[in-house]
């Protein structure tokens, strides 16, 4: 039998709930700065594993984020910049030419 050496060392420390630690009972939908911690860059709500909230407070955070979205305090989704793959894979000199051509076509008046 081969000797299997077990890895010792770093164990992930379990995150503690932000609301339980600070003894907060209410998640305010008007407090946008705190709610932004629980929303990712695209605008979707982060999961419980990522935020470290307990199940009870994760439900309250979800409800507060949804209320803030309805009140237009938080965006439903953030606009993302999409780049065409052919422009990304082409060399830089070709990139600038293609982009310049597209801009000229858009600026040209439709006849």
N, C-alpha and C. Protein backbone atom coordinates (compact mmCIF):
# COMPACT_ATOMS: atom_id res chain seq x y z
N UNK A 1 0.82 -1.19 0.00
CA UNK A 1 0.00 0.00 0.00
C UNK A 1 0.87 1.25 0.00
N UNK A 2 0.42 2.22 -0.74
CA UNK A 2 1.16 3.47 -0.82
C UNK A 2 0.79 4.35 0.37
N UNK A 3 1.76 5.10 0.79
CA UNK A 3 1.55 6.00 1.92
C UNK A 3 0.95 7.30 1.39
N UNK A 4 -0.23 7.63 1.84
CA UNK A 4 -0.89 8.87 1.42
C UNK A 4 -0.67 9.92 2.49
N UNK A 5 0.06 10.91 2.11
CA UNK A 5 0.32 11.99 3.05
C UNK A 5 -0.83 12.99 2.98
N UNK A 6 -1.45 13.22 4.10
CA UNK A 6 -2.57 14.15 4.12
C UNK A 6 -2.05 15.58 4.17
N UNK A 7 -2.79 16.43 3.51
CA UNK A 7 -2.41 17.84 3.52
C UNK A 7 -2.81 18.46 4.84
N UNK A 8 -1.87 19.08 5.45
CA UNK A 8 -2.14 19.80 6.69
C UNK A 8 -2.15 21.29 6.38
N UNK A 9 -2.73 22.02 7.25
CA UNK A 9 -2.60 23.45 7.08
C UNK A 9 -3.90 24.19 7.08
N UNK A 10 -4.04 25.04 6.09
CA UNK A 10 -5.09 26.05 6.06
C UNK A 10 -6.47 25.43 5.95
N UNK A 11 -7.32 25.76 6.88
CA UNK A 11 -8.73 25.40 6.82
C UNK A 11 -9.51 26.69 6.68
N UNK A 12 -10.50 26.67 5.80
CA UNK A 12 -11.30 27.87 5.61
C UNK A 12 -12.06 28.21 6.88
N UNK A 13 -11.92 29.43 7.28
CA UNK A 13 -12.62 29.91 8.46
C UNK A 13 -14.06 30.22 8.06
N UNK A 14 -15.00 29.70 8.81
CA UNK A 14 -16.40 29.93 8.48
C UNK A 14 -16.74 31.39 8.72
N UNK A 15 -17.39 31.98 7.73
CA UNK A 15 -17.81 33.37 7.86
C UNK A 15 -18.97 33.46 8.85
N UNK A 16 -18.98 34.52 9.59
CA UNK A 16 -20.08 34.73 10.53
C UNK A 16 -21.04 35.76 9.95
N UNK A 17 -22.27 35.65 10.34
CA UNK A 17 -23.31 36.53 9.83
C UNK A 17 -23.07 37.96 10.32
N UNK A 18 -23.06 38.89 9.39
CA UNK A 18 -22.85 40.31 9.69
C UNK A 18 -23.93 40.84 10.63
N UNK A 19 -25.15 40.39 10.40
CA UNK A 19 -26.28 40.91 11.18
C UNK A 19 -26.34 40.29 12.58
N UNK A 20 -25.98 39.01 12.69
CA UNK A 20 -25.96 38.35 14.01
C UNK A 20 -24.83 38.92 14.87
N UNK A 21 -23.68 39.20 14.25
CA UNK A 21 -22.55 39.75 15.00
C UNK A 21 -22.87 41.12 15.57
N UNK A 22 -23.52 41.96 14.78
CA UNK A 22 -23.84 43.32 15.21
C UNK A 22 -25.20 43.42 15.89
N UNK A 23 -25.87 42.29 16.06
CA UNK A 23 -27.18 42.22 16.71
C UNK A 23 -28.20 43.15 16.04
N UNK A 24 -28.20 43.12 14.71
CA UNK A 24 -29.17 43.89 13.94
C UNK A 24 -30.36 43.00 13.64
N UNK A 25 -31.56 43.51 13.86
CA UNK A 25 -32.76 42.71 13.62
C UNK A 25 -33.45 43.09 12.32
N UNK A 26 -33.21 44.30 11.83
CA UNK A 26 -33.92 44.79 10.65
C UNK A 26 -32.91 45.14 9.56
N UNK A 27 -33.18 44.67 8.36
CA UNK A 27 -32.36 45.01 7.20
C UNK A 27 -33.10 46.11 6.45
N UNK A 28 -32.54 47.30 6.45
CA UNK A 28 -33.22 48.46 5.88
C UNK A 28 -32.98 48.53 4.38
N UNK A 29 -34.05 48.58 3.59
CA UNK A 29 -33.92 48.65 2.14
C UNK A 29 -33.45 50.03 1.68
N UNK A 30 -33.55 51.03 2.55
CA UNK A 30 -33.12 52.39 2.18
C UNK A 30 -31.63 52.60 2.39
N UNK A 31 -30.99 51.68 3.09
CA UNK A 31 -29.55 51.77 3.34
C UNK A 31 -28.81 51.10 2.18
N UNK A 32 -28.64 51.85 1.10
CA UNK A 32 -28.10 51.31 -0.14
C UNK A 32 -26.63 50.93 0.00
N UNK A 33 -25.87 51.66 0.78
CA UNK A 33 -24.44 51.36 0.94
C UNK A 33 -24.23 49.97 1.53
N UNK A 34 -25.03 49.61 2.52
CA UNK A 34 -24.91 48.27 3.11
C UNK A 34 -25.41 47.19 2.15
N UNK A 35 -26.47 47.50 1.41
CA UNK A 35 -27.02 46.50 0.49
C UNK A 35 -26.08 46.22 -0.68
N UNK A 36 -25.26 47.20 -1.05
CA UNK A 36 -24.32 46.99 -2.17
C UNK A 36 -23.29 45.92 -1.84
N UNK A 37 -23.04 45.66 -0.56
CA UNK A 37 -22.11 44.61 -0.16
C UNK A 37 -22.65 43.23 -0.52
N UNK A 38 -23.96 43.12 -0.63
CA UNK A 38 -24.59 41.83 -0.89
C UNK A 38 -25.02 41.67 -2.34
N UNK A 39 -24.62 42.61 -3.20
CA UNK A 39 -24.93 42.56 -4.63
C UNK A 39 -23.61 42.58 -5.39
N UNK A 40 -23.48 41.72 -6.42
CA UNK A 40 -22.23 41.69 -7.17
C UNK A 40 -22.20 42.78 -8.24
N UNK A 41 -21.14 42.81 -9.04
CA UNK A 41 -20.93 43.88 -10.02
C UNK A 41 -21.99 43.89 -11.11
N UNK A 42 -22.56 42.74 -11.42
CA UNK A 42 -23.58 42.65 -12.46
C UNK A 42 -24.93 43.11 -11.95
N UNK A 43 -25.14 43.03 -10.64
CA UNK A 43 -26.39 43.48 -10.05
C UNK A 43 -27.21 42.36 -9.44
N UNK A 44 -26.70 41.13 -9.48
CA UNK A 44 -27.46 40.03 -8.88
C UNK A 44 -27.06 39.84 -7.42
N UNK A 45 -27.94 39.25 -6.65
CA UNK A 45 -27.72 39.07 -5.22
C UNK A 45 -26.71 37.94 -5.01
N UNK A 46 -25.73 38.20 -4.16
CA UNK A 46 -24.71 37.18 -3.87
C UNK A 46 -25.33 36.06 -3.04
N UNK A 47 -24.85 34.83 -3.21
CA UNK A 47 -25.38 33.72 -2.43
C UNK A 47 -24.93 33.76 -0.98
N UNK A 48 -25.59 32.96 -0.17
CA UNK A 48 -25.31 32.91 1.27
C UNK A 48 -23.88 32.49 1.55
N UNK A 49 -23.34 31.60 0.73
CA UNK A 49 -21.97 31.11 0.92
C UNK A 49 -20.97 32.25 0.74
N UNK A 50 -21.23 33.14 -0.20
CA UNK A 50 -20.31 34.24 -0.49
C UNK A 50 -20.42 35.35 0.55
N UNK A 51 -21.63 35.62 1.04
CA UNK A 51 -21.81 36.72 1.99
C UNK A 51 -21.55 36.30 3.43
N UNK A 52 -21.79 35.02 3.74
CA UNK A 52 -21.60 34.54 5.10
C UNK A 52 -22.79 34.77 6.00
N UNK A 53 -23.90 35.20 5.44
CA UNK A 53 -25.10 35.43 6.25
C UNK A 53 -25.74 34.11 6.65
N UNK A 54 -26.47 34.14 7.76
CA UNK A 54 -27.26 32.97 8.12
C UNK A 54 -28.51 32.97 7.23
N UNK A 55 -29.24 31.86 7.23
CA UNK A 55 -30.39 31.71 6.33
C UNK A 55 -31.45 32.77 6.59
N UNK A 56 -31.69 33.05 7.85
CA UNK A 56 -32.72 34.03 8.22
C UNK A 56 -32.39 35.42 7.68
N UNK A 57 -31.15 35.85 7.88
CA UNK A 57 -30.77 37.18 7.44
C UNK A 57 -30.55 37.24 5.92
N UNK A 58 -30.19 36.12 5.30
CA UNK A 58 -30.06 36.12 3.85
C UNK A 58 -31.43 36.35 3.20
N UNK A 59 -32.48 35.76 3.77
CA UNK A 59 -33.83 36.00 3.26
C UNK A 59 -34.21 37.47 3.42
N UNK A 60 -33.85 38.06 4.56
CA UNK A 60 -34.16 39.47 4.79
C UNK A 60 -33.38 40.38 3.84
N UNK A 61 -32.12 40.03 3.58
CA UNK A 61 -31.31 40.80 2.63
C UNK A 61 -31.91 40.72 1.24
N UNK A 62 -32.33 39.52 0.84
CA UNK A 62 -32.93 39.33 -0.48
C UNK A 62 -34.18 40.19 -0.62
N UNK A 63 -35.01 40.18 0.39
CA UNK A 63 -36.24 40.98 0.36
C UNK A 63 -35.91 42.48 0.31
N UNK A 64 -34.91 42.91 1.08
CA UNK A 64 -34.53 44.32 1.10
C UNK A 64 -33.96 44.76 -0.24
N UNK A 65 -33.16 43.91 -0.88
CA UNK A 65 -32.60 44.26 -2.19
C UNK A 65 -33.71 44.37 -3.22
N UNK A 66 -34.66 43.46 -3.17
CA UNK A 66 -35.78 43.51 -4.12
C UNK A 66 -36.63 44.75 -3.90
N UNK A 67 -36.83 45.14 -2.66
CA UNK A 67 -37.59 46.37 -2.37
C UNK A 67 -36.82 47.60 -2.86
N UNK A 68 -35.51 47.60 -2.65
CA UNK A 68 -34.69 48.73 -3.10
C UNK A 68 -34.71 48.84 -4.62
N UNK A 69 -34.75 47.71 -5.30
CA UNK A 69 -34.83 47.73 -6.77
C UNK A 69 -36.16 48.32 -7.22
N UNK A 70 -37.25 47.94 -6.56
CA UNK A 70 -38.56 48.46 -6.93
C UNK A 70 -38.67 49.96 -6.67
N UNK A 71 -37.97 50.43 -5.65
CA UNK A 71 -37.98 51.86 -5.33
C UNK A 71 -36.92 52.62 -6.13
N UNK A 72 -36.23 51.95 -7.03
CA UNK A 72 -35.19 52.52 -7.90
C UNK A 72 -33.98 53.03 -7.11
N UNK A 73 -33.71 52.41 -5.97
CA UNK A 73 -32.51 52.76 -5.21
C UNK A 73 -31.32 51.92 -5.68
N UNK A 74 -31.61 50.71 -6.15
CA UNK A 74 -30.59 49.82 -6.72
C UNK A 74 -31.02 49.45 -8.14
N UNK A 75 -30.07 49.27 -9.04
CA UNK A 75 -30.45 48.86 -10.40
C UNK A 75 -30.79 47.37 -10.45
N UNK A 76 -31.68 47.00 -11.36
CA UNK A 76 -31.99 45.59 -11.55
C UNK A 76 -30.79 44.88 -12.17
N UNK A 77 -30.18 45.51 -13.15
CA UNK A 77 -28.98 44.95 -13.78
C UNK A 77 -28.11 46.10 -14.23
N UNK A 78 -26.81 45.88 -14.20
CA UNK A 78 -25.86 46.90 -14.61
C UNK A 78 -25.51 46.65 -16.06
N UNK A 79 -25.44 47.71 -16.86
CA UNK A 79 -25.08 47.57 -18.26
C UNK A 79 -23.65 47.08 -18.39
N UNK A 80 -23.48 46.03 -19.19
CA UNK A 80 -22.15 45.48 -19.39
C UNK A 80 -21.68 45.82 -20.79
N UNK A 81 -20.39 46.05 -20.93
CA UNK A 81 -19.82 46.33 -22.24
C UNK A 81 -19.49 45.01 -22.90
N UNK A 82 -20.04 44.80 -24.07
CA UNK A 82 -19.79 43.56 -24.79
C UNK A 82 -18.87 43.85 -25.97
N UNK A 83 -17.87 43.02 -26.12
CA UNK A 83 -16.89 43.19 -27.18
C UNK A 83 -17.01 42.00 -28.11
N UNK A 84 -17.02 42.26 -29.41
CA UNK A 84 -17.11 41.19 -30.39
C UNK A 84 -15.83 40.38 -30.38
N UNK A 85 -15.94 39.06 -30.45
CA UNK A 85 -14.78 38.18 -30.36
C UNK A 85 -13.75 38.43 -31.46
N UNK A 86 -14.20 38.74 -32.66
CA UNK A 86 -13.25 38.94 -33.76
C UNK A 86 -12.37 40.16 -33.50
N UNK A 87 -12.91 41.16 -32.81
CA UNK A 87 -12.11 42.34 -32.49
C UNK A 87 -11.09 42.04 -31.40
N UNK A 88 -11.44 41.16 -30.49
CA UNK A 88 -10.55 40.83 -29.39
C UNK A 88 -9.39 39.98 -29.88
N UNK A 89 -9.67 39.01 -30.76
CA UNK A 89 -8.63 38.08 -31.20
C UNK A 89 -7.72 38.67 -32.28
N UNK A 90 -8.14 39.72 -32.96
CA UNK A 90 -7.33 40.31 -34.03
C UNK A 90 -6.18 41.12 -33.44
N UNK A 91 -5.08 41.26 -34.18
CA UNK A 91 -3.97 42.10 -33.71
C UNK A 91 -4.41 43.56 -33.53
N UNK A 92 -3.65 44.30 -32.77
CA UNK A 92 -4.02 45.67 -32.41
C UNK A 92 -4.20 46.57 -33.62
N UNK A 93 -3.32 46.45 -34.62
CA UNK A 93 -3.42 47.33 -35.79
C UNK A 93 -4.72 47.07 -36.55
N UNK A 94 -5.12 45.81 -36.65
CA UNK A 94 -6.37 45.49 -37.32
C UNK A 94 -7.56 45.95 -36.49
N UNK A 95 -7.42 45.84 -35.19
CA UNK A 95 -8.48 46.29 -34.28
C UNK A 95 -8.83 47.75 -34.51
N UNK A 96 -7.82 48.58 -34.53
CA UNK A 96 -8.06 50.02 -34.66
C UNK A 96 -8.66 50.34 -36.02
N UNK A 97 -8.24 49.64 -37.06
CA UNK A 97 -8.80 49.88 -38.39
C UNK A 97 -10.28 49.51 -38.42
N UNK A 98 -10.62 48.34 -37.86
CA UNK A 98 -12.01 47.89 -37.87
C UNK A 98 -12.90 48.82 -37.06
N UNK A 99 -12.42 49.24 -35.92
CA UNK A 99 -13.20 50.15 -35.07
C UNK A 99 -13.38 51.49 -35.77
N UNK A 100 -12.32 51.99 -36.40
CA UNK A 100 -12.41 53.26 -37.11
C UNK A 100 -13.41 53.17 -38.26
N UNK A 101 -13.41 52.04 -38.98
CA UNK A 101 -14.36 51.87 -40.08
C UNK A 101 -15.80 51.84 -39.56
N UNK A 102 -16.02 51.17 -38.45
CA UNK A 102 -17.37 51.11 -37.89
C UNK A 102 -17.85 52.48 -37.45
N UNK A 103 -16.95 53.25 -36.85
CA UNK A 103 -17.31 54.60 -36.40
C UNK A 103 -17.64 55.49 -37.58
N UNK A 104 -16.86 55.37 -38.66
CA UNK A 104 -17.13 56.18 -39.85
C UNK A 104 -18.47 55.82 -40.47
N UNK A 105 -18.79 54.53 -40.50
CA UNK A 105 -20.08 54.10 -41.05
C UNK A 105 -21.24 54.65 -40.23
N UNK A 106 -21.07 54.67 -38.92
CA UNK A 106 -22.14 55.17 -38.06
C UNK A 106 -22.30 56.68 -38.20
N UNK A 107 -21.18 57.39 -38.40
CA UNK A 107 -21.24 58.84 -38.52
C UNK A 107 -21.79 59.29 -39.87
N UNK A 108 -21.58 58.46 -40.89
CA UNK A 108 -22.03 58.83 -42.24
C UNK A 108 -23.55 58.94 -42.26
N UNK A 109 -24.07 60.04 -42.85
CA UNK A 109 -25.53 60.21 -42.90
C UNK A 109 -26.16 59.16 -43.82
N UNK A 110 -27.30 58.66 -43.39
CA UNK A 110 -28.02 57.66 -44.19
C UNK A 110 -28.66 58.36 -45.37
N UNK A 111 -28.36 57.87 -46.58
CA UNK A 111 -28.88 58.52 -47.78
C UNK A 111 -30.06 57.77 -48.33
